[in-house]
Each structure stands twice: as C-alpha cells, then as structure tokens.
C-alpha cells in the first residue's frame, strides 16, 4: 500500500507518476499468483523450506522489496519536484 501511496502523493504534488521499482504491482501480483498456484497444486511438504513456510518467505520478500520500491519512488519524486522548482 505504501508504494501506491507514494506514487499518488507524488502525482498530487505535481510529479509524474512513477511505476518503477523492484517490486511494483506487476511483480507483487506475479509472486502472489505463483505462490497460490504452487500451494494449490504442489504436494503439502513442498511448501516448507528449513522449517519456514514458503508463503511466509514469499510475503517477507514482497514486503522488503516493496519498501525499496517505495523509497526509490520517493527519491525520484523528490528529484522531479526539485527540478520543477528550479528557475
């Protein structure tokens, strides 16, 4: 949600929309879809890795990369707004 919020606030401030990032919406949805298919069709034991559930690992990766995406978008938005303010 933070990634979309950063983009929306930047757009409202006058910066162009920024859909880039290592975990943009397309990548998040792709990961969740693959995880759902894997968990739905794979054997029960295949969803565990070193005692940690595969869903927990995938969701942790999505969360960490989403934070990086939000920070990247924030940096690009700030740069765009500073450029607009220069005489």
C-alpha atoms as a PDB file:
ATOM      1  CA  UNK A   1       0.000   0.000   0.000  1.00  0.00           C
ATOM      2  CA  UNK A   2       2.906   2.356   0.696  1.00  0.00           C
ATOM      3  CA  UNK A   3       4.180   2.043  -2.863  1.00  0.00           C
ATOM      4  CA  UNK A   4       0.850   3.183  -4.289  1.00  0.00           C
ATOM      5  CA  UNK A   5       0.566   5.928  -1.675  1.00  0.00           C
ATOM      6  CA  UNK A   6       3.999   7.355  -2.525  1.00  0.00           C
ATOM      7  CA  UNK A   7       3.100   7.387  -6.215  1.00  0.00           C
ATOM      8  CA  UNK A   8      -0.300   9.013  -5.603  1.00  0.00           C
ATOM      9  CA  UNK A   9       1.080  11.705  -3.291  1.00  0.00           C
ATOM     10  CA  UNK A  10       3.877  12.479  -5.732  1.00  0.00           C
ATOM     11  CA  UNK A  11       1.376  12.765  -8.548  1.00  0.00           C
ATOM     12  CA  UNK A  12      -0.820  15.074  -6.460  1.00  0.00           C
ATOM     13  CA  UNK A  13       2.225  17.256  -5.755  1.00  0.00           C
ATOM     14  CA  UNK A  14       2.833  17.643  -9.481  1.00  0.00           C
ATOM     15  CA  UNK A  15       5.431  14.979 -10.211  1.00  0.00           C
ATOM     16  CA  UNK A  16       4.872  12.455 -12.992  1.00  0.00           C
ATOM     17  CA  UNK A  17       3.547   9.036 -11.998  1.00  0.00           C
ATOM     18  CA  UNK A  18       6.332   6.597 -11.235  1.00  0.00           C
ATOM     19  CA  UNK A  19       5.513   2.929 -11.686  1.00  0.00           C
ATOM     20  CA  UNK A  20       9.114   1.670 -11.445  1.00  0.00           C
ATOM     21  CA  UNK A  21      10.689  -0.433  -8.758  1.00  0.00           C
ATOM     22  CA  UNK A  22      11.943  -3.904  -7.962  1.00  0.00           C
ATOM     23  CA  UNK A  23       8.536  -4.873  -6.555  1.00  0.00           C
ATOM     24  CA  UNK A  24       5.972  -2.831  -8.458  1.00  0.00           C
ATOM     25  CA  UNK A  25       2.367  -4.000  -8.639  1.00  0.00           C
ATOM     26  CA  UNK A  26       3.001  -6.361 -11.556  1.00  0.00           C
ATOM     27  CA  UNK A  27       5.817  -8.122  -9.729  1.00  0.00           C
ATOM     28  CA  UNK A  28       3.842  -8.356  -6.477  1.00  0.00           C
ATOM     29  CA  UNK A  29       0.848  -9.888  -8.238  1.00  0.00           C
ATOM     30  CA  UNK A  30       3.075 -12.282 -10.176  1.00  0.00           C
ATOM     31  CA  UNK A  31       4.729 -13.536  -6.967  1.00  0.00           C
ATOM     32  CA  UNK A  32       1.425 -13.961  -5.165  1.00  0.00           C
ATOM     33  CA  UNK A  33      -0.117 -15.770  -8.160  1.00  0.00           C
ATOM     34  CA  UNK A  34       2.835 -18.156  -8.457  1.00  0.00           C
ATOM     35  CA  UNK A  35       2.712 -18.800  -4.724  1.00  0.00           C
ATOM     36  CA  UNK A  36      -1.022 -19.537  -4.857  1.00  0.00           C
ATOM     37  CA  UNK A  37      -0.603 -21.937  -7.789  1.00  0.00           C
ATOM     38  CA  UNK A  38       2.357 -23.626  -6.072  1.00  0.00           C
ATOM     39  CA  UNK A  39       0.495 -24.044  -2.799  1.00  0.00           C
ATOM     40  CA  UNK A  40      -2.667 -25.206  -4.562  1.00  0.00           C
ATOM     41  CA  UNK A  41      -1.092 -27.758  -6.876  1.00  0.00           C
ATOM     42  CA  UNK A  42       2.140 -28.791  -5.171  1.00  0.00           C
ATOM     43  CA  UNK A  43       2.473 -31.511  -2.548  1.00  0.00           C
ATOM     44  CA  UNK A  44       1.992 -30.353   1.036  1.00  0.00           C
ATOM     45  CA  UNK A  45       5.617 -30.867   2.048  1.00  0.00           C
ATOM     46  CA  UNK A  46       6.908 -28.693  -0.790  1.00  0.00           C
ATOM     47  CA  UNK A  47       5.607 -25.548   0.899  1.00  0.00           C
ATOM     48  CA  UNK A  48       8.197 -25.817   3.684  1.00  0.00           C
ATOM     49  CA  UNK A  49      11.809 -24.688   3.481  1.00  0.00           C
ATOM     50  CA  UNK A  50      14.061 -25.171   6.501  1.00  0.00           C
ATOM     51  CA  UNK A  51      11.039 -25.181   8.791  1.00  0.00           C
ATOM     52  CA  UNK A  52       9.750 -21.872   7.440  1.00  0.00           C
ATOM     53  CA  UNK A  53       6.663 -21.876   5.275  1.00  0.00           C
ATOM     54  CA  UNK A  54       7.059 -20.823   1.662  1.00  0.00           C
ATOM     55  CA  UNK A  55       4.169 -18.328   1.972  1.00  0.00           C
ATOM     56  CA  UNK A  56       5.982 -16.571   4.826  1.00  0.00           C
ATOM     57  CA  UNK A  57       9.205 -16.372   2.798  1.00  0.00           C
ATOM     58  CA  UNK A  58       7.483 -15.009  -0.288  1.00  0.00           C
ATOM     59  CA  UNK A  59       5.495 -12.464   1.699  1.00  0.00           C
ATOM     60  CA  UNK A  60       8.640 -11.334   3.543  1.00  0.00           C
ATOM     61  CA  UNK A  61      10.433 -10.866   0.207  1.00  0.00           C
ATOM     62  CA  UNK A  62       7.466  -8.915  -1.170  1.00  0.00           C
ATOM     63  CA  UNK A  63       7.391  -6.683   1.914  1.00  0.00           C
ATOM     64  CA  UNK A  64      11.144  -5.982   1.862  1.00  0.00           C
ATOM     65  CA  UNK A  65      11.258  -5.241  -1.857  1.00  0.00           C
ATOM     66  CA  UNK A  66       8.108  -3.119  -1.609  1.00  0.00           C
ATOM     67  CA  UNK A  67       9.869  -0.894   0.920  1.00  0.00           C
ATOM     68  CA  UNK A  68      12.757  -0.499  -1.535  1.00  0.00           C
ATOM     69  CA  UNK A  69      10.274   0.320  -4.291  1.00  0.00           C
ATOM     70  CA  UNK A  70       8.568   2.975  -2.161  1.00  0.00           C
ATOM     71  CA  UNK A  71      11.922   4.547  -1.259  1.00  0.00           C
ATOM     72  CA  UNK A  72      13.020   4.566  -4.894  1.00  0.00           C
ATOM     73  CA  UNK A  73       9.780   6.198  -5.989  1.00  0.00           C
ATOM     74  CA  UNK A  74      10.060   8.756  -3.214  1.00  0.00           C
ATOM     75  CA  UNK A  75      13.593   9.636  -4.297  1.00  0.00           C
ATOM     76  CA  UNK A  76      12.563  10.018  -7.945  1.00  0.00           C
ATOM     77  CA  UNK A  77       9.525  12.089  -6.985  1.00  0.00           C
ATOM     78  CA  UNK A  78      11.649  14.407  -4.847  1.00  0.00           C
ATOM     79  CA  UNK A  79      14.126  14.801  -7.689  1.00  0.00           C
ATOM     80  CA  UNK A  80      11.340  15.601 -10.164  1.00  0.00           C
ATOM     81  CA  UNK A  81       9.778  18.163  -7.829  1.00  0.00           C
ATOM     82  CA  UNK A  82      13.153  19.826  -7.176  1.00  0.00           C
ATOM     83  CA  UNK A  83      13.752  20.059 -10.917  1.00  0.00           C
ATOM     84  CA  UNK A  84      10.339  21.694 -11.382  1.00  0.00           C
ATOM     85  CA  UNK A  85      11.151  24.279  -8.681  1.00  0.00           C
ATOM     86  CA  UNK A  86      14.471  25.359 -10.230  1.00  0.00           C
ATOM     87  CA  UNK A  87      14.329  28.676 -12.128  1.00  0.00           C
END
